[in-house]
């Protein structure tokens, strides 16, 4: 799943649907967005965690690609993933 797909999935999990794009308003400047029916904090939490998981997985893959003792690199990759 791409990052874009993960963000869309997180938005849907937080209650967002496609019809709400038109309902977005910018109340207190360009960075204050109001979106009826979506919990922005919940969306942020879901999306942020998805990013953390993706970053850990990429780091683990980099470790696994190294030319070092296989036992060591697998232990390190597992430690990164379970962090």
PDB file of N, CA and C in Angstrom:
ATOM      1  N   UNK A   1       0.853  -1.177   0.000  1.00  0.00           N
ATOM      2  CA  UNK A   1       0.000   0.000   0.000  1.00  0.00           C
ATOM      3  C   UNK A   1       0.900   1.242   0.000  1.00  0.00           C
ATOM      4  N   UNK A   2       0.612   2.174  -0.876  1.00  0.00           N
ATOM      5  CA  UNK A   2       1.407   3.398  -0.956  1.00  0.00           C
ATOM      6  C   UNK A   2       1.048   4.333   0.195  1.00  0.00           C
ATOM      7  N   UNK A   3       1.880   5.334   0.417  1.00  0.00           N
ATOM      8  CA  UNK A   3       1.610   6.314   1.455  1.00  0.00           C
ATOM      9  C   UNK A   3       0.286   7.017   1.199  1.00  0.00           C
ATOM     10  N   UNK A   4       0.021   7.365  -0.055  1.00  0.00           N
ATOM     11  CA  UNK A   4      -1.241   8.026  -0.403  1.00  0.00           C
ATOM     12  C   UNK A   4      -2.429   7.145  -0.027  1.00  0.00           C
ATOM     13  N   UNK A   5      -2.336   5.855  -0.360  1.00  0.00           N
ATOM     14  CA  UNK A   5      -3.416   4.931  -0.023  1.00  0.00           C
ATOM     15  C   UNK A   5      -3.587   4.796   1.482  1.00  0.00           C
ATOM     16  N   UNK A   6      -2.469   4.832   2.222  1.00  0.00           N
ATOM     17  CA  UNK A   6      -2.536   4.751   3.678  1.00  0.00           C
ATOM     18  C   UNK A   6      -3.233   5.975   4.259  1.00  0.00           C
ATOM     19  N   UNK A   7      -2.948   7.147   3.710  1.00  0.00           N
ATOM     20  CA  UNK A   7      -3.586   8.375   4.186  1.00  0.00           C
ATOM     21  C   UNK A   7      -5.079   8.339   3.896  1.00  0.00           C
ATOM     22  N   UNK A   8      -5.447   7.889   2.716  1.00  0.00           N
ATOM     23  CA  UNK A   8      -6.863   7.784   2.372  1.00  0.00           C
ATOM     24  C   UNK A   8      -7.556   6.791   3.296  1.00  0.00           C
ATOM     25  N   UNK A   9      -6.918   5.661   3.558  1.00  0.00           N
ATOM     26  CA  UNK A   9      -7.500   4.662   4.459  1.00  0.00           C
ATOM     27  C   UNK A   9      -7.656   5.232   5.865  1.00  0.00           C
ATOM     28  N   UNK A  10      -6.665   5.994   6.332  1.00  0.00           N
ATOM     29  CA  UNK A  10      -6.749   6.608   7.659  1.00  0.00           C
ATOM     30  C   UNK A  10      -7.887   7.618   7.721  1.00  0.00           C
ATOM     31  N   UNK A  11      -8.061   8.390   6.671  1.00  0.00           N
ATOM     32  CA  UNK A  11      -9.149   9.367   6.634  1.00  0.00           C
ATOM     33  C   UNK A  11     -10.500   8.668   6.695  1.00  0.00           C
ATOM     34  N   UNK A  12     -10.637   7.584   5.949  1.00  0.00           N
ATOM     35  CA  UNK A  12     -11.903   6.842   5.965  1.00  0.00           C
ATOM     36  C   UNK A  12     -12.155   6.217   7.334  1.00  0.00           C
ATOM     37  N   UNK A  13     -11.099   5.713   7.962  1.00  0.00           N
ATOM     38  CA  UNK A  13     -11.241   5.126   9.302  1.00  0.00           C
ATOM     39  C   UNK A  13     -11.674   6.178  10.323  1.00  0.00           C
ATOM     40  N   UNK A  14     -11.247   7.427  10.099  1.00  0.00           N
ATOM     41  CA  UNK A  14     -11.600   8.512  11.013  1.00  0.00           C
ATOM     42  C   UNK A  14     -12.969   9.111  10.708  1.00  0.00           C
ATOM     43  N   UNK A  15     -13.648   8.615   9.680  1.00  0.00           N
ATOM     44  CA  UNK A  15     -15.002   9.073   9.384  1.00  0.00           C
ATOM     45  C   UNK A  15     -15.143   9.978   8.185  1.00  0.00           C
ATOM     46  N   UNK A  16     -14.084  10.172   7.420  1.00  0.00           N
ATOM     47  CA  UNK A  16     -14.113  11.070   6.264  1.00  0.00           C
ATOM     48  C   UNK A  16     -14.684  10.348   5.056  1.00  0.00           C
ATOM     49  N   UNK A  17     -15.508  11.027   4.281  1.00  0.00           N
ATOM     50  CA  UNK A  17     -15.931  10.478   2.993  1.00  0.00           C
ATOM     51  C   UNK A  17     -15.730  11.548   1.923  1.00  0.00           C
ATOM     52  N   UNK A  18     -15.741  11.117   0.678  1.00  0.00           N
ATOM     53  CA  UNK A  18     -15.397  12.004  -0.442  1.00  0.00           C
ATOM     54  C   UNK A  18     -16.273  13.247  -0.542  1.00  0.00           C
ATOM     55  N   UNK A  19     -17.518  13.172  -0.109  1.00  0.00           N
ATOM     56  CA  UNK A  19     -18.413  14.326  -0.224  1.00  0.00           C
ATOM     57  C   UNK A  19     -18.009  15.466   0.705  1.00  0.00           C
ATOM     58  N   UNK A  20     -17.150  15.190   1.676  1.00  0.00           N
ATOM     59  CA  UNK A  20     -16.784  16.220   2.652  1.00  0.00           C
ATOM     60  C   UNK A  20     -15.716  17.195   2.153  1.00  0.00           C
ATOM     61  N   UNK A  21     -15.062  16.907   1.039  1.00  0.00           N
ATOM     62  CA  UNK A  21     -14.069  17.860   0.525  1.00  0.00           C
ATOM     63  C   UNK A  21     -14.693  19.238   0.339  1.00  0.00           C
ATOM     64  N   UNK A  22     -15.919  19.295  -0.188  1.00  0.00           N
ATOM     65  CA  UNK A  22     -16.579  20.570  -0.429  1.00  0.00           C
ATOM     66  C   UNK A  22     -17.017  21.247   0.862  1.00  0.00           C
ATOM     67  N   UNK A  23     -17.128  20.498   1.945  1.00  0.00           N
ATOM     68  CA  UNK A  23     -17.598  21.051   3.211  1.00  0.00           C
ATOM     69  C   UNK A  23     -16.457  21.629   4.057  1.00  0.00           C
ATOM     70  N   UNK A  24     -15.219  21.465   3.608  1.00  0.00           N
ATOM     71  CA  UNK A  24     -14.089  21.973   4.383  1.00  0.00           C
ATOM     72  C   UNK A  24     -14.103  23.495   4.396  1.00  0.00           C
ATOM     73  N   UNK A  25     -13.840  24.067   5.556  1.00  0.00           N
ATOM     74  CA  UNK A  25     -13.738  25.518   5.674  1.00  0.00           C
ATOM     75  C   UNK A  25     -12.423  25.865   6.367  1.00  0.00           C
ATOM     76  N   UNK A  26     -11.942  27.063   6.123  1.00  0.00           N
ATOM     77  CA  UNK A  26     -10.700  27.536   6.718  1.00  0.00           C
ATOM     78  C   UNK A  26     -11.061  28.684   7.653  1.00  0.00           C
ATOM     79  N   UNK A  27     -11.349  28.344   8.908  1.00  0.00           N
ATOM     80  CA  UNK A  27     -11.880  29.315   9.852  1.00  0.00           C
ATOM     81  C   UNK A  27     -10.865  30.322  10.379  1.00  0.00           C
ATOM     82  N   UNK A  28      -9.732  29.845  10.823  1.00  0.00           N
ATOM     83  CA  UNK A  28      -8.786  30.722  11.520  1.00  0.00           C
ATOM     84  C   UNK A  28      -7.473  30.852  10.774  1.00  0.00           C
ATOM     85  N   UNK A  29      -7.537  30.976   9.496  1.00  0.00           N
ATOM     86  CA  UNK A  29      -6.312  31.092   8.714  1.00  0.00           C
ATOM     87  C   UNK A  29      -6.103  29.853   7.869  1.00  0.00           C
ATOM     88  N   UNK A  30      -5.028  29.817   7.135  1.00  0.00           N
ATOM     89  CA  UNK A  30      -4.825  28.736   6.167  1.00  0.00           C
ATOM     90  C   UNK A  30      -4.562  27.361   6.777  1.00  0.00           C
ATOM     91  N   UNK A  31      -4.213  27.297   8.071  1.00  0.00           N
ATOM     92  CA  UNK A  31      -3.880  26.006   8.665  1.00  0.00           C
ATOM     93  C   UNK A  31      -4.947  25.505   9.629  1.00  0.00           C
ATOM     94  N   UNK A  32      -6.028  26.212   9.780  1.00  0.00           N
ATOM     95  CA  UNK A  32      -7.137  25.788  10.630  1.00  0.00           C
ATOM     96  C   UNK A  32      -8.253  25.279   9.736  1.00  0.00           C
ATOM     97  N   UNK A  33      -8.395  23.981   9.661  1.00  0.00           N
ATOM     98  CA  UNK A  33      -9.389  23.377   8.773  1.00  0.00           C
ATOM     99  C   UNK A  33     -10.497  22.763   9.609  1.00  0.00           C
ATOM    100  N   UNK A  34     -11.731  23.048   9.228  1.00  0.00           N
ATOM    101  CA  UNK A  34     -12.888  22.434   9.861  1.00  0.00           C
ATOM    102  C   UNK A  34     -13.518  21.487   8.856  1.00  0.00           C
ATOM    103  N   UNK A  35     -13.715  20.263   9.269  1.00  0.00           N
ATOM    104  CA  UNK A  35     -14.313  19.279   8.386  1.00  0.00           C
ATOM    105  C   UNK A  35     -15.415  18.562   9.146  1.00  0.00           C
ATOM    106  N   UNK A  36     -16.673  18.863   8.845  1.00  0.00           N
ATOM    107  CA  UNK A  36     -17.769  18.206   9.543  1.00  0.00           C
ATOM    108  C   UNK A  36     -17.711  16.692   9.376  1.00  0.00           C
ATOM    109  N   UNK A  37     -17.931  15.978  10.466  1.00  0.00           N
ATOM    110  CA  UNK A  37     -18.015  14.525  10.389  1.00  0.00           C
ATOM    111  C   UNK A  37     -16.702  13.787  10.487  1.00  0.00           C
ATOM    112  N   UNK A  38     -15.596  14.481  10.578  1.00  0.00           N
ATOM    113  CA  UNK A  38     -14.311  13.785  10.705  1.00  0.00           C
ATOM    114  C   UNK A  38     -13.625  14.265  11.980  1.00  0.00           C
ATOM    115  N   UNK A  39     -13.043  13.337  12.675  1.00  0.00           N
ATOM    116  CA  UNK A  39     -12.291  13.673  13.869  1.00  0.00           C
ATOM    117  C   UNK A  39     -10.839  13.882  13.448  1.00  0.00           C
ATOM    118  N   UNK A  40     -10.434  15.141  13.351  1.00  0.00           N
ATOM    119  CA  UNK A  40      -9.089  15.426  12.846  1.00  0.00           C
ATOM    120  C   UNK A  40      -7.997  14.862  13.752  1.00  0.00           C
ATOM    121  N   UNK A  41      -8.218  14.885  15.049  1.00  0.00           N
ATOM    122  CA  UNK A  41      -7.196  14.309  15.946  1.00  0.00           C
ATOM    123  C   UNK A  41      -7.078  12.807  15.722  1.00  0.00           C
ATOM    124  N   UNK A  42      -8.195  12.152  15.542  1.00  0.00           N
ATOM    125  CA  UNK A  42      -8.167  10.713  15.267  1.00  0.00           C
ATOM    126  C   UNK A  42      -7.464  10.449  13.933  1.00  0.00           C
ATOM    127  N   UNK A  43      -7.778  11.228  12.925  1.00  0.00           N
ATOM    128  CA  UNK A  43      -7.122  11.085  11.625  1.00  0.00           C
ATOM    129  C   UNK A  43      -5.612  11.272  11.772  1.00  0.00           C
ATOM    130  N   UNK A  44      -5.201  12.323  12.481  1.00  0.00           N
ATOM    131  CA  UNK A  44      -3.779  12.591  12.678  1.00  0.00           C
ATOM    132  C   UNK A  44      -3.112  11.408  13.367  1.00  0.00           C
ATOM    133  N   UNK A  45      -3.734  10.873  14.395  1.00  0.00           N
ATOM    134  CA  UNK A  45      -3.166   9.756  15.141  1.00  0.00           C
ATOM    135  C   UNK A  45      -2.993   8.539  14.248  1.00  0.00           C
ATOM    136  N   UNK A  46      -4.019   8.234  13.466  1.00  0.00           N
ATOM    137  CA  UNK A  46      -3.952   7.078  12.571  1.00  0.00           C
ATOM    138  C   UNK A  46      -2.867   7.280  11.513  1.00  0.00           C
ATOM    139  N   UNK A  47      -2.848   8.441  10.890  1.00  0.00           N
ATOM    140  CA  UNK A  47      -1.875   8.717   9.831  1.00  0.00           C
ATOM    141  C   UNK A  47      -0.448   8.763  10.379  1.00  0.00           C
ATOM    142  N   UNK A  48      -0.269   9.369  11.560  1.00  0.00           N
ATOM    143  CA  UNK A  48       1.062   9.462  12.154  1.00  0.00           C
ATOM    144  C   UNK A  48       1.596   8.072  12.474  1.00  0.00           C
ATOM    145  N   UNK A  49       0.758   7.220  13.047  1.00  0.00           N
ATOM    146  CA  UNK A  49       1.191   5.864  13.380  1.00  0.00           C
ATOM    147  C   UNK A  49       1.534   5.075  12.118  1.00  0.00           C
ATOM    148  N   UNK A  50       0.753   5.249  11.059  1.00  0.00           N
ATOM    149  CA  UNK A  50       1.057   4.572   9.793  1.00  0.00           C
ATOM    150  C   UNK A  50       2.429   5.002   9.285  1.00  0.00           C
ATOM    151  N   UNK A  51       2.758   6.270   9.433  1.00  0.00           N
ATOM    152  CA  UNK A  51       4.071   6.768   9.023  1.00  0.00           C
ATOM    153  C   UNK A  51       5.190   6.189   9.853  1.00  0.00           C
ATOM    154  N   UNK A  52       4.951   6.070  11.155  1.00  0.00           N
ATOM    155  CA  UNK A  52       5.966   5.480  12.042  1.00  0.00           C
ATOM    156  C   UNK A  52       6.234   4.031  11.673  1.00  0.00           C
ATOM    157  N   UNK A  53       5.174   3.283  11.412  1.00  0.00           N
ATOM    158  CA  UNK A  53       5.322   1.875  11.044  1.00  0.00           C
ATOM    159  C   UNK A  53       6.083   1.754   9.726  1.00  0.00           C
ATOM    160  N   UNK A  54       5.737   2.589   8.750  1.00  0.00           N
ATOM    161  CA  UNK A  54       6.414   2.548   7.454  1.00  0.00           C
ATOM    162  C   UNK A  54       7.896   2.894   7.591  1.00  0.00           C
ATOM    163  N   UNK A  55       8.204   3.868   8.430  1.00  0.00           N
ATOM    164  CA  UNK A  55       9.606   4.247   8.632  1.00  0.00           C
ATOM    165  C   UNK A  55      10.393   3.115   9.284  1.00  0.00           C
ATOM    166  N   UNK A  56       9.820   2.473  10.303  1.00  0.00           N
ATOM    167  CA  UNK A  56      10.507   1.354  10.955  1.00  0.00           C
ATOM    168  C   UNK A  56      10.742   0.213   9.964  1.00  0.00           C
ATOM    169  N   UNK A  57       9.740  -0.073   9.137  1.00  0.00           N
ATOM    170  CA  UNK A  57       9.882  -1.155   8.156  1.00  0.00           C
ATOM    171  C   UNK A  57      10.992  -0.844   7.158  1.00  0.00           C
ATOM    172  N   UNK A  58      11.072   0.393   6.701  1.00  0.00           N
ATOM    173  CA  UNK A  58      12.130   0.767   5.759  1.00  0.00           C
ATOM    174  C   UNK A  58      13.505   0.647   6.412  1.00  0.00           C
ATOM    175  N   UNK A  59      13.633   1.061   7.655  1.00  0.00           N
ATOM    176  CA  UNK A  59      14.909   0.925   8.374  1.00  0.00           C
ATOM    177  C   UNK A  59      15.289  -0.546   8.518  1.00  0.00           C
ATOM    178  N   UNK A  60      14.317  -1.394   8.842  1.00  0.00           N
ATOM    179  CA  UNK A  60      14.584  -2.827   8.979  1.00  0.00           C
ATOM    180  C   UNK A  60      15.039  -3.419   7.645  1.00  0.00           C
ATOM    181  N   UNK A  61      14.431  -3.007   6.557  1.00  0.00           N
ATOM    182  CA  UNK A  61      14.832  -3.507   5.237  1.00  0.00           C
ATOM    183  C   UNK A  61      16.267  -3.093   4.892  1.00  0.00           C
ATOM    184  N   UNK A  62      16.638  -1.883   5.267  1.00  0.00           N
ATOM    185  CA  UNK A  62      18.006  -1.424   5.008  1.00  0.00           C
ATOM    186  C   UNK A  62      18.997  -2.281   5.778  1.00  0.00           C
ATOM    187  N   UNK A  63      18.698  -2.581   7.038  1.00  0.00           N
ATOM    188  CA  UNK A  63      19.569  -3.440   7.850  1.00  0.00           C
ATOM    189  C   UNK A  63      19.672  -4.829   7.217  1.00  0.00           C
ATOM    190  N   UNK A  64      18.536  -5.375   6.781  1.00  0.00           N
ATOM    191  CA  UNK A  64      18.540  -6.717   6.192  1.00  0.00           C
ATOM    192  C   UNK A  64      19.322  -6.785   4.884  1.00  0.00           C
ATOM    193  N   UNK A  65      19.474  -5.682   4.207  1.00  0.00           N
ATOM    194  CA  UNK A  65      20.200  -5.653   2.937  1.00  0.00           C
ATOM    195  C   UNK A  65      21.716  -5.555   3.119  1.00  0.00           C
ATOM    196  N   UNK A  66      22.165  -5.359   4.349  1.00  0.00           N
ATOM    197  CA  UNK A  66      23.599  -5.208   4.604  1.00  0.00           C
ATOM    198  C   UNK A  66      24.316  -6.552   4.507  1.00  0.00           C
ATOM    199  N   UNK A  67      25.582  -6.484   4.141  1.00  0.00           N
ATOM    200  CA  UNK A  67      26.407  -7.689   4.006  1.00  0.00           C
ATOM    201  C   UNK A  67      27.134  -7.939   5.326  1.00  0.00           C
ATOM    202  N   UNK A  68      26.374  -8.380   6.312  1.00  0.00           N
ATOM    203  CA  UNK A  68      26.929  -8.705   7.635  1.00  0.00           C
ATOM    204  C   UNK A  68      26.354 -10.055   8.062  1.00  0.00           C
ATOM    205  N   UNK A  69      26.750 -10.507   9.234  1.00  0.00           N
ATOM    206  CA  UNK A  69      26.277 -11.776   9.780  1.00  0.00           C
ATOM    207  C   UNK A  69      24.744 -11.845   9.727  1.00  0.00           C
ATOM    208  N   UNK A  70      24.190 -12.861   9.058  1.00  0.00           N
ATOM    209  CA  UNK A  70      22.723 -12.952   8.918  1.00  0.00           C
ATOM    210  C   UNK A  70      21.977 -12.963  10.249  1.00  0.00           C
ATOM    211  N   UNK A  71      22.521 -13.643  11.234  1.00  0.00           N
ATOM    212  CA  UNK A  71      21.866 -13.690  12.539  1.00  0.00           C
ATOM    213  C   UNK A  71      21.785 -12.295  13.156  1.00  0.00           C
ATOM    214  N   UNK A  72      22.880 -11.549  13.059  1.00  0.00           N
ATOM    215  CA  UNK A  72      22.920 -10.195  13.607  1.00  0.00           C
ATOM    216  C   UNK A  72      21.912  -9.289  12.908  1.00  0.00           C
ATOM    217  N   UNK A  73      21.928  -9.287  11.573  1.00  0.00           N
ATOM    218  CA  UNK A  73      21.048  -8.363  10.866  1.00  0.00           C
ATOM    219  C   UNK A  73      19.576  -8.716  11.070  1.00  0.00           C
ATOM    220  N   UNK A  74      19.250  -9.991  11.221  1.00  0.00           N
ATOM    221  CA  UNK A  74      17.849 -10.353  11.473  1.00  0.00           C
ATOM    222  C   UNK A  74      17.414  -9.947  12.887  1.00  0.00           C
ATOM    223  N   UNK A  75      18.310 -10.094  13.854  1.00  0.00           N
ATOM    224  CA  UNK A  75      17.998  -9.640  15.222  1.00  0.00           C
ATOM    225  C   UNK A  75      17.806  -8.130  15.258  1.00  0.00           C
ATOM    226  N   UNK A  76      18.667  -7.410  14.535  1.00  0.00           N
ATOM    227  CA  UNK A  76      18.545  -5.950  14.500  1.00  0.00           C
ATOM    228  C   UNK A  76      17.248  -5.528  13.807  1.00  0.00           C
ATOM    229  N   UNK A  77      16.942  -6.149  12.683  1.00  0.00           N
ATOM    230  CA  UNK A  77      15.711  -5.817  11.950  1.00  0.00           C
ATOM    231  C   UNK A  77      14.470  -6.114  12.800  1.00  0.00           C
ATOM    232  N   UNK A  78      14.492  -7.239  13.488  1.00  0.00           N
ATOM    233  CA  UNK A  78      13.362  -7.580  14.371  1.00  0.00           C
ATOM    234  C   UNK A  78      13.209  -6.568  15.500  1.00  0.00           C
ATOM    235  N   UNK A  79      14.353  -6.142  16.051  1.00  0.00           N
ATOM    236  CA  UNK A  79      14.311  -5.145  17.137  1.00  0.00           C
ATOM    237  C   UNK A  79      13.712  -3.822  16.643  1.00  0.00           C
ATOM    238  N   UNK A  80      14.060  -3.427  15.434  1.00  0.00           N
ATOM    239  CA  UNK A  80      13.525  -2.185  14.858  1.00  0.00           C
ATOM    240  C   UNK A  80      12.024  -2.322  14.651  1.00  0.00           C
ATOM    241  N   UNK A  81      11.584  -3.442  14.114  1.00  0.00           N
ATOM    242  CA  UNK A  81      10.160  -3.634  13.836  1.00  0.00           C
ATOM    243  C   UNK A  81       9.317  -3.676  15.116  1.00  0.00           C
ATOM    244  N   UNK A  82       9.854  -4.244  16.171  1.00  0.00           N
ATOM    245  CA  UNK A  82       9.079  -4.368  17.414  1.00  0.00           C
ATOM    246  C   UNK A  82       9.175  -3.144  18.297  1.00  0.00           C
ATOM    247  N   UNK A  83       9.985  -2.199  17.948  1.00  0.00           N
ATOM    248  CA  UNK A  83      10.171  -0.990  18.741  1.00  0.00           C
ATOM    249  C   UNK A  83       8.883  -0.266  18.960  1.00  0.00           C
TER     250      UNK A  83
END
